[in-house]
């Protein structure tokens, strides 16, 4: 049985070495100027070093250019794409057609993964972007399992699904937190915003804490829980889903590494012996639960229900 790629978001170049040992097949990296909600900030020097390190271990590297671009950044996309291509990246992750059109000019042989967070909800749309040049579609987080399997059955492109980690609930290009602090006569430097770990929107009625942070792309509000379907991978593996993503945003490197090890074990076991996986999957889930920070519960996201937030 075909194994899906295990894609992970590292926090640093050195973290890639740990993820390789943990069993990751690919990593997604980038910098906030061009990419959204990454686990770590990678300068150009870091991107080049990360690609070298990952390729040394036989891993693919995807560079995020999935931000929402305004006119002021369009002219610099070509230079960054040319750099990414020269550095040897295996694909660029995009959502804005400006990236696709610029890739055609600056690096026409570069592979593209289409990722818009919200609009990859049917196979017609996935195939539309495939015919425009994308090799992969990253499905929206709001899809249930039946919809995912149906899309895969009709897709002309690779299909990627997030199986673990936080989900973005809201993004605004405005600096909502910074403006609020400024209104109070306080200052919060933008360099600190992305790494601020202690900011939450608190829902007293549901006793939920929604992490909130700002970076160059604006304000991001994240889900109060982490999606985890380590015990529900079987149908997607049998259907031939091409890539499972572990999103490490808001988590420490050790957590991401240990979760990667558990998903590596789950994927290998399920692909080799589905019955054994069914017998042992509860143990795998319990192992992930033991790693969870006290303020981050686990749930199954939208995989088995229509809405959760």
Protein backbone atom coordinates (compact mmCIF):
# COMPACT_ATOMS: atom_id res chain seq x y z
CA UNK A 1 0.00 0.00 0.00
CA UNK A 2 1.26 3.47 -0.89
CA UNK A 3 2.43 5.52 2.08
CA UNK A 4 1.52 9.21 2.21
CA UNK A 5 4.30 11.73 2.59
CA UNK A 6 4.76 12.93 6.17
CA UNK A 7 5.18 16.71 5.94
CA UNK A 8 6.22 18.73 9.00
CA UNK A 9 6.86 22.41 9.71
CA UNK A 10 10.22 22.82 11.54
CA UNK A 11 11.15 25.67 13.84
CA UNK A 12 14.76 26.07 12.68
CA UNK A 13 17.48 24.62 10.47
CA UNK A 14 18.83 22.50 13.32
CA UNK A 15 15.34 21.14 13.97
CA UNK A 16 15.34 19.59 10.50
CA UNK A 17 18.00 17.13 11.60
CA UNK A 18 15.75 15.93 14.44
CA UNK A 19 12.75 15.64 12.15
CA UNK A 20 14.74 13.57 9.68
CA UNK A 21 15.60 11.12 12.44
CA UNK A 22 11.96 11.15 13.57
CA UNK A 23 10.82 10.02 10.12
CA UNK A 24 9.59 13.16 8.34
CA UNK A 25 9.61 12.91 4.53
CA UNK A 26 9.34 16.64 3.83
CA UNK A 27 9.41 20.03 5.52
CA UNK A 28 7.69 23.33 4.79
CA UNK A 29 9.65 26.48 5.59
CA UNK A 30 9.70 30.18 4.79
CA UNK A 31 9.61 33.68 6.17
CA UNK A 32 6.62 35.70 7.23
CA UNK A 33 7.14 38.26 4.47
CA UNK A 34 5.97 35.66 1.95
CA UNK A 35 4.48 32.78 3.96
CA UNK A 36 1.65 32.42 6.45
CA UNK A 37 1.76 31.02 9.99
CA UNK A 38 4.99 29.06 9.88
CA UNK A 39 6.45 27.27 12.89
CA UNK A 40 9.77 29.09 12.45
CA UNK A 41 11.21 32.11 10.68
CA UNK A 42 13.73 31.24 7.95
CA UNK A 43 15.88 33.96 6.40
CA UNK A 44 17.32 33.44 2.94
CA UNK A 45 20.48 32.02 4.47
CA UNK A 46 18.34 29.72 6.61
CA UNK A 47 16.32 28.58 3.58
CA UNK A 48 19.49 27.64 1.72
CA UNK A 49 20.90 25.82 4.76
CA UNK A 50 17.57 24.07 5.39
CA UNK A 51 17.38 22.80 1.81
CA UNK A 52 20.94 21.48 2.00
CA UNK A 53 20.26 19.76 5.34
CA UNK A 54 16.96 18.24 4.26
CA UNK A 55 18.26 16.99 0.91
CA UNK A 56 21.18 15.37 2.70
CA UNK A 57 18.59 13.22 4.49
CA UNK A 58 16.50 12.58 1.38
CA UNK A 59 13.70 14.96 2.43
CA UNK A 60 11.80 17.38 0.21
CA UNK A 61 11.62 21.08 1.02
CA UNK A 62 8.62 23.26 0.21
CA UNK A 63 8.93 27.03 0.56
CA UNK A 64 5.84 28.97 1.62
CA UNK A 65 4.73 31.87 -0.55
CA UNK A 66 1.08 31.59 0.45
CA UNK A 67 0.62 35.08 1.86
CA UNK A 68 -1.95 37.54 0.50
CA UNK A 69 0.07 39.96 -1.60
CA UNK A 70 -0.70 43.63 -2.21
CA UNK A 71 0.81 45.74 -4.97
CA UNK A 72 3.80 46.80 -2.88
CA UNK A 73 5.20 43.24 -2.82
CA UNK A 74 4.41 42.04 -6.32
CA UNK A 75 7.59 43.43 -7.87
CA UNK A 76 9.82 41.55 -5.42
CA UNK A 77 8.23 38.11 -5.94
CA UNK A 78 10.38 37.31 -8.96
CA UNK A 79 13.62 37.85 -7.09
CA UNK A 80 12.54 35.64 -4.19
CA UNK A 81 11.28 32.89 -6.51
CA UNK A 82 14.56 32.95 -8.43
CA UNK A 83 16.43 32.60 -5.14
CA UNK A 84 14.23 29.70 -3.98
CA UNK A 85 14.72 27.91 -7.29
CA UNK A 86 18.50 28.45 -7.26
CA UNK A 87 18.64 27.14 -3.68
CA UNK A 88 17.07 23.89 -4.87
CA UNK A 89 13.62 23.91 -3.27
CA UNK A 90 11.35 21.09 -4.37
CA UNK A 91 8.18 23.18 -4.59
CA UNK A 92 6.66 26.55 -3.76
CA UNK A 93 3.39 26.70 -1.82
CA UNK A 94 1.14 29.45 -3.16
CA UNK A 95 -2.38 30.82 -2.88
CA UNK A 96 -2.17 34.04 -4.88
CA UNK A 97 -2.19 33.79 -8.71
CA UNK A 98 0.53 36.47 -8.69
CA UNK A 99 2.94 33.79 -7.48
CA UNK A 100 1.89 31.33 -10.19
CA UNK A 101 2.31 33.92 -12.94
CA UNK A 102 5.67 35.06 -11.57
CA UNK A 103 6.93 31.46 -11.31
CA UNK A 104 6.16 31.02 -15.01
CA UNK A 105 8.51 33.91 -15.72
CA UNK A 106 11.23 33.46 -13.10
CA UNK A 107 11.39 29.67 -12.62
CA UNK A 108 9.08 27.87 -15.05
CA UNK A 109 10.21 24.40 -13.96
CA UNK A 110 9.43 24.98 -10.26
CA UNK A 111 6.70 22.73 -8.87
CA UNK A 112 3.73 24.47 -7.28
CA UNK A 113 1.42 23.43 -4.44
CA UNK A 114 -1.87 25.33 -4.31
CA UNK A 115 -2.88 26.30 -0.76
CA UNK A 116 -5.54 28.86 0.11
CA UNK A 117 -6.57 27.68 3.61
CA UNK A 118 -10.31 27.94 2.85
CA UNK A 119 -11.29 27.47 -0.79
CA UNK A 120 -9.93 24.01 -1.70
CA UNK A 121 -13.28 22.38 -1.01
CA UNK A 122 -14.08 20.46 -4.22
CA UNK A 123 -12.23 18.53 -6.90
CA UNK A 124 -13.22 20.89 -9.72
CA UNK A 125 -11.33 23.72 -8.05
CA UNK A 126 -8.34 21.50 -7.26
CA UNK A 127 -8.21 20.33 -10.87
CA UNK A 128 -8.63 23.90 -12.16
CA UNK A 129 -5.44 24.95 -10.43
CA UNK A 130 -3.80 21.71 -11.50
CA UNK A 131 -4.45 22.61 -15.13
CA UNK A 132 -2.94 26.03 -14.42
CA UNK A 133 0.27 24.40 -13.25
CA UNK A 134 -0.14 23.23 -9.64
CA UNK A 135 0.99 19.69 -8.86
CA UNK A 136 -0.75 19.52 -5.48
CA UNK A 137 -3.81 20.94 -3.73
CA UNK A 138 -3.80 21.52 0.02
CA UNK A 139 -7.36 20.89 1.16
CA UNK A 140 -9.33 23.27 3.35
CA UNK A 141 -9.43 22.44 7.05
CA UNK A 142 -13.23 22.60 7.14
CA UNK A 143 -13.81 19.40 5.14
CA UNK A 144 -15.13 16.19 6.66
CA UNK A 145 -13.68 12.76 5.93
CA UNK A 146 -16.26 11.81 3.29
CA UNK A 147 -15.58 15.00 1.33
CA UNK A 148 -11.81 14.43 1.49
CA UNK A 149 -12.11 10.90 0.15
CA UNK A 150 -14.48 12.03 -2.60
CA UNK A 151 -12.09 14.78 -3.69
CA UNK A 152 -9.18 12.34 -3.81
CA UNK A 153 -11.20 9.93 -5.97
CA UNK A 154 -11.68 12.65 -8.62
CA UNK A 155 -8.49 14.70 -8.25
CA UNK A 156 -5.99 15.11 -11.08
CA UNK A 157 -3.40 16.50 -8.64
CA UNK A 158 -1.77 15.34 -5.42
CA UNK A 159 -3.87 15.92 -2.31
CA UNK A 160 -2.47 17.15 1.01
CA UNK A 161 -4.40 17.02 4.29
CA UNK A 162 -3.48 18.45 7.68
CA UNK A 163 -3.72 15.67 10.24
CA UNK A 164 -2.29 17.38 13.32
CA UNK A 165 -1.91 20.84 14.80
CA UNK A 166 -3.62 24.18 15.13
CA UNK A 167 -6.12 25.64 12.68
CA UNK A 168 -6.36 29.30 11.74
CA UNK A 169 -9.87 30.57 12.49
CA UNK A 170 -9.42 34.18 11.42
CA UNK A 171 -6.92 36.45 9.72
CA UNK A 172 -7.00 40.19 9.16
CA UNK A 173 -4.38 42.20 7.34
CA UNK A 174 -4.85 44.85 10.01
CA UNK A 175 -2.72 44.99 13.15
CA UNK A 176 -5.62 44.61 15.52
CA UNK A 177 -3.56 43.85 18.61
CA UNK A 178 -0.96 46.51 17.89
CA UNK A 179 -3.66 49.11 17.32
CA UNK A 180 -5.30 48.14 20.61
CA UNK A 181 -2.02 48.44 22.50
CA UNK A 182 -1.36 51.79 20.85
CA UNK A 183 -4.83 52.96 21.85
CA UNK A 184 -3.88 52.14 25.45
CA UNK A 185 -0.68 54.14 25.13
CA UNK A 186 1.50 51.02 25.05
CA UNK A 187 3.97 49.76 22.46
CA UNK A 188 4.46 46.22 21.20
CA UNK A 189 7.24 45.90 18.65
CA UNK A 190 6.28 43.97 15.53
CA UNK A 191 9.43 41.87 15.85
CA UNK A 192 7.98 40.37 19.04
CA UNK A 193 4.45 39.84 17.83
CA UNK A 194 4.94 36.53 16.08
CA UNK A 195 6.76 35.05 19.05
CA UNK A 196 4.42 36.32 21.74
CA UNK A 197 3.20 33.13 23.45
CA UNK A 198 0.97 34.61 26.11
CA UNK A 199 -1.82 36.28 24.15
CA UNK A 200 -5.23 34.64 24.04
CA UNK A 201 -8.84 35.53 23.39
CA UNK A 202 -10.72 34.00 26.31
CA UNK A 203 -14.21 32.58 25.84
CA UNK A 204 -15.59 32.33 29.35
CA UNK A 205 -18.77 30.52 28.30
CA UNK A 206 -16.86 27.64 26.67
CA UNK A 207 -13.71 28.02 28.78
CA UNK A 208 -11.61 28.23 25.60
CA UNK A 209 -8.39 30.14 25.01
CA UNK A 210 -7.82 31.16 21.39
CA UNK A 211 -4.14 32.00 20.70
CA UNK A 212 -3.74 35.29 18.87
CA UNK A 213 -0.60 36.81 17.34
CA UNK A 214 0.50 39.36 14.78
CA UNK A 215 3.20 39.36 12.17
CA UNK A 216 3.86 41.12 8.88
CA UNK A 217 0.73 39.52 7.41
CA UNK A 218 -1.61 40.92 10.04
CA UNK A 219 -3.55 39.38 12.93
CA UNK A 220 -4.13 35.64 13.30
CA UNK A 221 -6.56 33.91 15.66
CA UNK A 222 -5.97 30.19 16.09
CA UNK A 223 -8.14 27.31 17.25
CA UNK A 224 -8.19 26.54 21.00
CA UNK A 225 -7.44 22.85 20.36
CA UNK A 226 -5.07 20.85 18.18
CA UNK A 227 -6.48 18.58 15.51
CA UNK A 228 -5.28 15.01 15.98
CA UNK A 229 -6.43 12.06 13.90
CA UNK A 230 -3.53 9.68 14.46
CA UNK A 231 -6.16 7.03 15.21
CA UNK A 232 -8.22 7.75 12.05
CA UNK A 233 -5.67 7.55 9.24
CA UNK A 234 -6.70 4.22 7.74
CA UNK A 235 -9.32 5.29 5.20
CA UNK A 236 -7.17 8.15 3.88
CA UNK A 237 -4.13 5.90 3.49
CA UNK A 238 -6.21 3.33 1.63
CA UNK A 239 -7.65 6.10 -0.56
CA UNK A 240 -4.13 7.19 -1.54
CA UNK A 241 -3.98 10.65 0.05
CA UNK A 242 -0.56 11.91 -1.00
CA UNK A 243 0.59 13.96 1.97
CA UNK A 244 -0.21 14.23 5.68
CA UNK A 245 0.84 17.49 7.29
CA UNK A 246 1.80 18.10 10.92
CA UNK A 247 1.59 21.83 11.62
CA UNK A 248 3.99 22.80 14.40
CA UNK A 249 2.92 26.42 14.88
CA UNK A 250 2.59 27.42 18.57
CA UNK A 251 4.52 24.33 19.69
CA UNK A 252 8.06 23.72 20.91
CA UNK A 253 10.54 21.74 18.76
CA UNK A 254 10.55 18.71 21.08
CA UNK A 255 6.78 18.39 20.87
CA UNK A 256 6.83 18.54 17.06
CA UNK A 257 9.60 15.94 16.91
CA UNK A 258 7.87 13.51 19.26
CA UNK A 259 4.53 13.86 17.45
CA UNK A 260 6.33 13.22 14.16
CA UNK A 261 7.74 9.97 15.55
CA UNK A 262 4.27 8.80 16.53
CA UNK A 263 2.73 9.61 13.15
CA UNK A 264 5.65 7.90 11.41
CA UNK A 265 4.90 4.78 13.41
CA UNK A 266 1.17 5.04 12.71
CA UNK A 267 1.61 5.50 8.93
CA UNK A 268 4.11 2.66 8.60
CA UNK A 269 1.98 0.32 10.67
CA UNK A 270 -1.25 1.11 8.85
CA UNK A 271 0.32 0.76 5.41
CA UNK A 272 1.83 -2.60 6.32
CA UNK A 273 -0.93 -4.12 8.46
CA UNK A 274 -4.25 -2.28 8.82
CA UNK A 275 -5.49 -4.77 11.42
CA UNK A 276 -2.49 -4.18 13.65
CA UNK A 277 -3.00 -0.43 13.32
CA UNK A 278 -6.63 -0.80 14.38
CA UNK A 279 -5.51 -2.75 17.45
CA UNK A 280 -2.82 -0.27 18.48
CA UNK A 281 -4.19 3.11 17.40
CA UNK A 282 -5.63 3.90 20.83
CA UNK A 283 -2.14 3.57 22.29
CA UNK A 284 -0.84 5.99 19.69
CA UNK A 285 -3.54 8.50 20.57
CA UNK A 286 -2.76 8.14 24.28
CA UNK A 287 0.91 8.82 23.54
CA UNK A 288 0.02 12.06 21.75
CA UNK A 289 -2.30 13.08 24.58
CA UNK A 290 0.57 12.62 27.04
CA UNK A 291 2.59 15.19 25.06
CA UNK A 292 -0.12 17.85 24.97
CA UNK A 293 0.37 21.11 26.88
CA UNK A 294 -2.32 21.55 29.57
CA UNK A 295 -3.99 24.44 27.67
CA UNK A 296 -4.17 22.63 24.30
CA UNK A 297 -6.74 19.86 24.13
CA UNK A 298 -7.05 17.48 21.19
CA UNK A 299 -10.05 17.11 18.90
CA UNK A 300 -10.81 15.75 15.42
CA UNK A 301 -11.44 19.14 13.84
CA UNK A 302 -14.00 19.00 11.06
CA UNK A 303 -13.22 15.44 10.04
CA UNK A 304 -16.37 13.99 11.61
CA UNK A 305 -18.62 17.00 12.13
CA UNK A 306 -19.68 20.11 10.28
CA UNK A 307 -18.47 22.84 12.64
CA UNK A 308 -16.59 23.11 15.88
CA UNK A 309 -16.07 26.84 16.47
